[in-house]
Amino acid sequence: MYRSFQLTLCVITCAMSGCLFGQRPGLPVDNSVVRDQLVIYTDFDLPRRHRLINEMVALRSLLASKLQLPTSDEPIHVYLFDSSKQYRKFMGKHYSDFADRRAFFVKTDTTLTVYAHWNDRVAEDLQHEVAHGYLHSIIPNLPLWLDEGLAEYFEVPRGLRGVNAPHVKLLMEQYTKDRWTPDLERLEQLTVAIEMDQMDYAESWLWVHILLESTPERLEVIRKNLKAMRDNGSAEPLSKLVAEIEPSPQRSLFQHLKAVAED
């Protein structure tokens, strides 16, 4: 969903602003739970085997299996606030430009961190942001659109094959009104998450979904692309690779959207 934000900071910037990891007052650190890569901090009692934590843990192997990527042992620090008021206060002090976000992923040179608060969509929020953490622990230089598209795919509960229903609804509405033209090359030019609007998140999700959930040939394209990024630090744009196997990528995307909507 278009409600989270990913921010990449350098350690020098953080040091100058007095926000190095572990030095920020107001963080929920009364309790902590360690499960695989996750180090989860809360200011309320959250059982170690809570289903919310179980789902975040399960996401690690699901993501690695689906994308055919190895897992990492780099810690992902998750700060889960008990209330939105406490969360907004912290965000307003340290990330004031993005205090309206329900959840937040931050990557520095040395840490991967998720901030969120307890709400009726906390599972979705955490799956999305923790997906960013898992991805960046394996592939540090993911293109923005692909990073967000994958997070939108993996935020969906297991068993739904990544179908993000709000995105399907939005895209179908725009498609039927002839107000939307897919353009993967345009998405590839986006470098700052704050520039992305709701349609950009939805379209990014749809490109990821067609690659992961349609044909073996498309699945192989995205898997090889991710492997190249991991091994070499960069890879050819997916738009170029998709064009090599698709006579009409836009038409294929429309057909896939309609098939998902009718399913």
Protein backbone atom coordinates (compact mmCIF):
# COMPACT_ATOMS: atom_id res chain seq x y z
CA MET A 1 0.00 0.00 0.00
CA TYR A 2 1.10 3.57 -0.62
CA ARG A 3 1.69 4.46 3.01
CA SER A 4 5.23 3.51 3.80
CA PHE A 5 8.53 5.10 3.00
CA GLN A 6 12.03 3.84 2.48
CA LEU A 7 14.89 6.15 3.36
CA THR A 8 18.58 5.59 2.71
CA LEU A 9 20.90 7.61 4.92
CA CYS A 10 24.65 7.71 5.20
CA VAL A 11 26.26 7.16 8.57
CA ILE A 12 28.05 10.52 8.41
CA THR A 13 24.74 12.36 8.04
CA CYS A 14 23.30 10.51 10.99
CA ALA A 15 26.32 11.21 13.13
CA MET A 16 26.18 14.92 12.39
CA SER A 17 22.52 15.07 13.35
CA GLY A 18 23.00 13.08 16.55
CA CYS A 19 20.85 10.17 15.37
CA LEU A 20 23.24 7.26 15.35
CA PHE A 21 21.60 3.91 15.95
CA GLY A 22 20.89 3.31 19.63
CA GLN A 23 21.17 6.95 20.68
CA ARG A 24 17.64 8.20 20.05
CA PRO A 25 15.42 8.84 23.05
CA GLY A 26 11.79 7.80 22.86
CA LEU A 27 12.35 4.42 21.20
CA PRO A 28 10.35 1.46 22.54
CA VAL A 29 13.08 -0.62 24.17
CA ASP A 30 11.40 -2.03 27.29
CA ASN A 31 11.12 -5.48 25.71
CA SER A 32 12.98 -7.27 22.93
CA VAL A 33 12.56 -10.48 20.98
CA VAL A 34 15.18 -12.04 18.69
CA ARG A 35 13.97 -14.37 15.92
CA ASP A 36 16.39 -15.21 13.09
CA GLN A 37 17.37 -11.87 11.52
CA LEU A 38 14.75 -9.89 13.41
CA VAL A 39 15.45 -7.97 16.61
CA ILE A 40 12.04 -6.65 17.68
CA TYR A 41 11.76 -3.93 20.32
CA THR A 42 8.46 -2.95 21.95
CA ASP A 43 7.19 -0.89 24.85
CA PHE A 44 4.55 -3.55 25.58
CA ASP A 45 4.55 -7.29 26.11
CA LEU A 46 4.63 -9.15 22.79
CA PRO A 47 4.99 -12.95 23.09
CA ARG A 48 8.00 -14.39 21.29
CA ARG A 49 5.73 -16.74 19.32
CA HIS A 50 3.05 -14.18 18.54
CA ARG A 51 1.56 -14.84 15.10
CA LEU A 52 2.63 -11.37 13.97
CA ILE A 53 6.25 -12.29 14.64
CA ASN A 54 5.76 -15.75 13.16
CA GLU A 55 4.58 -14.21 9.90
CA MET A 56 7.58 -11.88 9.71
CA VAL A 57 9.90 -14.81 10.34
CA ALA A 58 8.14 -16.95 7.72
CA LEU A 59 8.48 -14.13 5.20
CA ARG A 60 12.25 -14.57 5.21
CA SER A 61 12.18 -18.09 3.78
CA LEU A 62 9.20 -17.32 1.53
CA LEU A 63 11.02 -14.39 -0.07
CA ALA A 64 14.25 -16.34 -0.49
CA SER A 65 12.43 -19.31 -2.02
CA LYS A 66 10.27 -17.29 -4.40
CA LEU A 67 13.15 -15.16 -5.64
CA GLN A 68 15.75 -17.95 -5.39
CA LEU A 69 18.02 -15.82 -3.25
CA PRO A 70 20.10 -16.79 -0.21
CA THR A 71 19.18 -15.55 3.24
CA SER A 72 21.32 -13.17 5.24
CA ASP A 73 22.20 -13.03 8.91
CA GLU A 74 22.36 -9.22 9.02
CA PRO A 75 20.08 -8.03 11.84
CA ILE A 76 16.94 -6.08 11.03
CA HIS A 77 15.94 -3.90 13.99
CA VAL A 78 12.18 -3.47 14.32
CA TYR A 79 10.84 -0.80 16.69
CA LEU A 80 7.14 -1.34 17.33
CA PHE A 81 5.41 1.44 19.26
CA ASP A 82 2.34 0.70 21.36
CA SER A 83 0.45 3.78 20.18
CA SER A 84 0.35 6.08 17.19
CA LYS A 85 0.83 9.05 19.54
CA GLN A 86 4.21 7.78 20.73
CA TYR A 87 5.19 6.87 17.19
CA ARG A 88 4.20 10.29 15.78
CA LYS A 89 6.12 12.04 18.54
CA PHE A 90 9.27 10.11 17.72
CA MET A 91 8.85 10.50 13.98
CA GLY A 92 8.10 14.21 14.32
CA LYS A 93 11.38 14.69 16.13
CA HIS A 94 13.62 12.57 13.94
CA TYR A 95 11.84 12.26 10.56
CA SER A 96 9.46 15.19 10.54
CA ASP A 97 8.96 15.20 6.76
CA PHE A 98 7.53 11.68 6.92
CA ALA A 99 5.69 11.65 10.24
CA ASP A 100 2.40 10.84 8.52
CA ARG A 101 3.67 7.42 7.38
CA ARG A 102 2.28 4.46 9.30
CA ALA A 103 5.55 2.59 8.97
CA PHE A 104 9.05 3.42 7.90
CA PHE A 105 12.18 1.58 6.71
CA VAL A 106 15.61 3.18 7.13
CA LYS A 107 18.88 1.87 5.74
CA THR A 108 22.25 3.29 6.77
CA ASP A 109 25.72 1.99 5.95
CA THR A 110 25.61 -0.16 9.07
CA THR A 111 21.99 -0.83 10.06
CA LEU A 112 18.60 -1.86 8.71
CA THR A 113 15.75 -0.46 10.80
CA VAL A 114 11.95 -0.55 10.72
CA TYR A 115 9.70 1.80 12.70
CA ALA A 116 5.96 1.10 13.06
CA HIS A 117 3.11 1.36 15.53
CA TRP A 118 0.32 -0.98 16.59
CA ASN A 119 -2.82 -0.45 14.49
CA ASP A 120 -5.45 -2.46 12.67
CA ARG A 121 -3.12 -2.83 9.66
CA VAL A 122 0.09 -3.47 11.55
CA ALA A 123 0.59 -6.92 9.99
CA GLU A 124 0.50 -5.46 6.48
CA ASP A 125 2.78 -2.59 7.52
CA LEU A 126 5.37 -4.84 9.09
CA GLN A 127 5.37 -7.37 6.25
CA HIS A 128 6.02 -4.55 3.79
CA GLU A 129 8.79 -2.86 5.76
CA VAL A 130 10.46 -6.08 6.88
CA ALA A 131 10.42 -7.24 3.24
CA HIS A 132 12.51 -4.14 2.49
CA GLY A 133 14.88 -5.21 5.25
CA TYR A 134 15.25 -8.76 3.96
CA LEU A 135 15.77 -7.52 0.39
CA HIS A 136 18.39 -4.94 1.35
CA SER A 137 20.27 -7.43 3.48
CA ILE A 138 20.79 -9.47 0.30
CA ILE A 139 20.78 -6.87 -2.53
CA PRO A 140 21.81 -3.40 -1.34
CA ASN A 141 21.32 -1.63 -4.69
CA LEU A 142 17.78 -2.53 -5.72
CA PRO A 143 16.10 -0.07 -8.10
CA LEU A 144 13.44 1.88 -6.23
CA TRP A 145 10.46 0.70 -8.29
CA LEU A 146 11.50 -2.95 -7.95
CA ASP A 147 12.16 -2.62 -4.24
CA GLU A 148 8.68 -1.15 -3.69
CA GLY A 149 6.98 -3.54 -6.11
CA LEU A 150 8.44 -6.53 -4.30
CA ALA A 151 7.48 -5.12 -0.89
CA GLU A 152 3.92 -4.55 -2.14
CA TYR A 153 3.84 -8.17 -3.33
CA PHE A 154 5.19 -9.66 -0.11
CA GLU A 155 3.01 -7.56 2.22
CA VAL A 156 0.03 -9.66 1.13
CA PRO A 157 -0.89 -12.56 3.47
CA ARG A 158 0.49 -15.94 2.53
CA GLY A 159 -1.75 -18.02 0.29
CA LEU A 160 -2.96 -15.12 -1.86
CA ARG A 161 -0.06 -15.39 -4.33
CA GLY A 162 0.82 -11.75 -3.91
CA VAL A 163 -2.51 -10.39 -5.14
CA ASN A 164 -2.76 -6.89 -3.68
CA ALA A 165 -6.50 -6.27 -3.97
CA PRO A 166 -6.47 -2.45 -3.50
CA HIS A 167 -3.94 -2.15 -6.31
CA VAL A 168 -6.02 -4.36 -8.58
CA LYS A 169 -9.07 -2.18 -7.94
CA LEU A 170 -7.20 1.08 -8.54
CA LEU A 171 -5.52 -0.08 -11.72
CA MET A 172 -8.73 -1.51 -13.15
CA GLU A 173 -10.52 1.76 -12.47
CA GLN A 174 -7.84 3.72 -14.29
CA TYR A 175 -7.62 1.18 -17.10
CA THR A 176 -11.37 1.21 -17.80
CA LYS A 177 -11.35 5.02 -17.85
CA ASP A 178 -8.34 5.01 -20.22
CA ARG A 179 -6.37 7.13 -17.74
CA TRP A 180 -3.32 4.93 -17.39
CA THR A 181 -0.54 3.83 -19.71
CA PRO A 182 1.99 1.43 -18.15
CA ASP A 183 5.58 2.52 -18.60
CA LEU A 184 8.27 0.42 -16.95
CA GLU A 185 11.06 2.59 -18.32
CA ARG A 186 9.50 5.61 -16.57
CA LEU A 187 9.34 3.74 -13.27
CA GLU A 188 13.00 2.82 -13.65
CA GLN A 189 13.91 6.51 -13.71
CA LEU A 190 12.42 7.13 -10.25
CA THR A 191 15.09 7.40 -7.57
CA VAL A 192 13.34 9.06 -4.62
CA ALA A 193 10.42 7.32 -2.94
CA ILE A 194 8.68 10.55 -2.07
CA GLU A 195 8.23 11.11 -5.82
CA MET A 196 6.13 7.95 -6.12
CA ASP A 197 2.36 8.30 -6.02
CA GLN A 198 -0.25 5.64 -5.44
CA MET A 199 -0.39 4.68 -9.11
CA ASP A 200 3.38 4.23 -9.19
CA TYR A 201 3.21 1.82 -6.25
CA ALA A 202 0.34 -0.05 -7.89
CA GLU A 203 2.02 -0.29 -11.28
CA SER A 204 5.31 -1.39 -9.68
CA TRP A 205 3.40 -4.13 -7.88
CA LEU A 206 1.74 -5.25 -11.13
CA TRP A 207 5.02 -5.55 -13.05
CA VAL A 208 6.42 -7.63 -10.19
CA HIS A 209 3.28 -9.75 -10.04
CA ILE A 210 3.27 -10.60 -13.75
CA LEU A 211 6.92 -11.62 -13.51
CA LEU A 212 6.44 -13.77 -10.40
CA GLU A 213 2.99 -15.24 -11.02
CA SER A 214 2.40 -15.86 -14.73
CA THR A 215 4.88 -17.91 -16.78
CA PRO A 216 8.14 -19.76 -16.04
CA GLU A 217 9.90 -17.59 -18.64
CA ARG A 218 8.93 -14.36 -16.89
CA LEU A 219 9.81 -15.79 -13.49
CA GLU A 220 13.27 -16.72 -14.76
CA VAL A 221 13.81 -13.17 -16.04
CA ILE A 222 13.29 -11.54 -12.64
CA ARG A 223 15.22 -14.22 -10.78
CA LYS A 224 18.25 -13.86 -13.07
CA ASN A 225 18.04 -10.08 -12.83
CA LEU A 226 18.05 -10.17 -9.02
CA LYS A 227 20.93 -12.66 -9.01
CA ALA A 228 22.96 -10.40 -11.30
CA MET A 229 22.34 -7.43 -9.00
CA ARG A 230 23.42 -9.46 -6.00
CA ASP A 231 26.51 -10.88 -7.68
CA ASN A 232 27.65 -7.81 -9.60
CA GLY A 233 26.07 -4.85 -7.83
CA SER A 234 24.06 -3.92 -10.93
CA ALA A 235 22.14 -5.48 -13.80
CA GLU A 236 20.45 -4.60 -17.05
CA PRO A 237 17.14 -2.76 -16.63
CA LEU A 238 14.22 -5.16 -16.39
CA SER A 239 12.39 -3.15 -19.05
CA LYS A 240 15.02 -4.26 -21.58
CA LEU A 241 14.84 -7.89 -20.51
CA VAL A 242 11.04 -7.89 -20.54
CA ALA A 243 11.01 -6.40 -24.04
CA GLU A 244 13.19 -9.27 -25.25
CA ILE A 245 10.55 -11.87 -24.33
CA GLU A 246 7.36 -9.82 -24.77
CA PRO A 247 6.21 -8.63 -28.23
CA SER A 248 3.93 -6.12 -26.49
CA PRO A 249 4.73 -5.65 -22.78
CA GLN A 250 1.88 -3.20 -22.19
CA ARG A 251 -0.72 -5.49 -23.72
CA SER A 252 0.63 -8.43 -21.72
CA LEU A 253 0.39 -6.36 -18.54
CA PHE A 254 -3.21 -5.35 -19.28
CA GLN A 255 -4.14 -8.97 -19.97
CA HIS A 256 -2.54 -10.07 -16.73
CA LEU A 257 -4.36 -7.37 -14.76
CA LYS A 258 -7.73 -8.41 -16.19
CA ALA A 259 -7.01 -12.07 -15.44
CA VAL A 260 -6.12 -11.26 -11.83
CA ALA A 261 -9.21 -9.06 -11.46
CA GLU A 262 -11.48 -11.82 -12.75
CA ASP A 263 -9.90 -14.56 -10.64
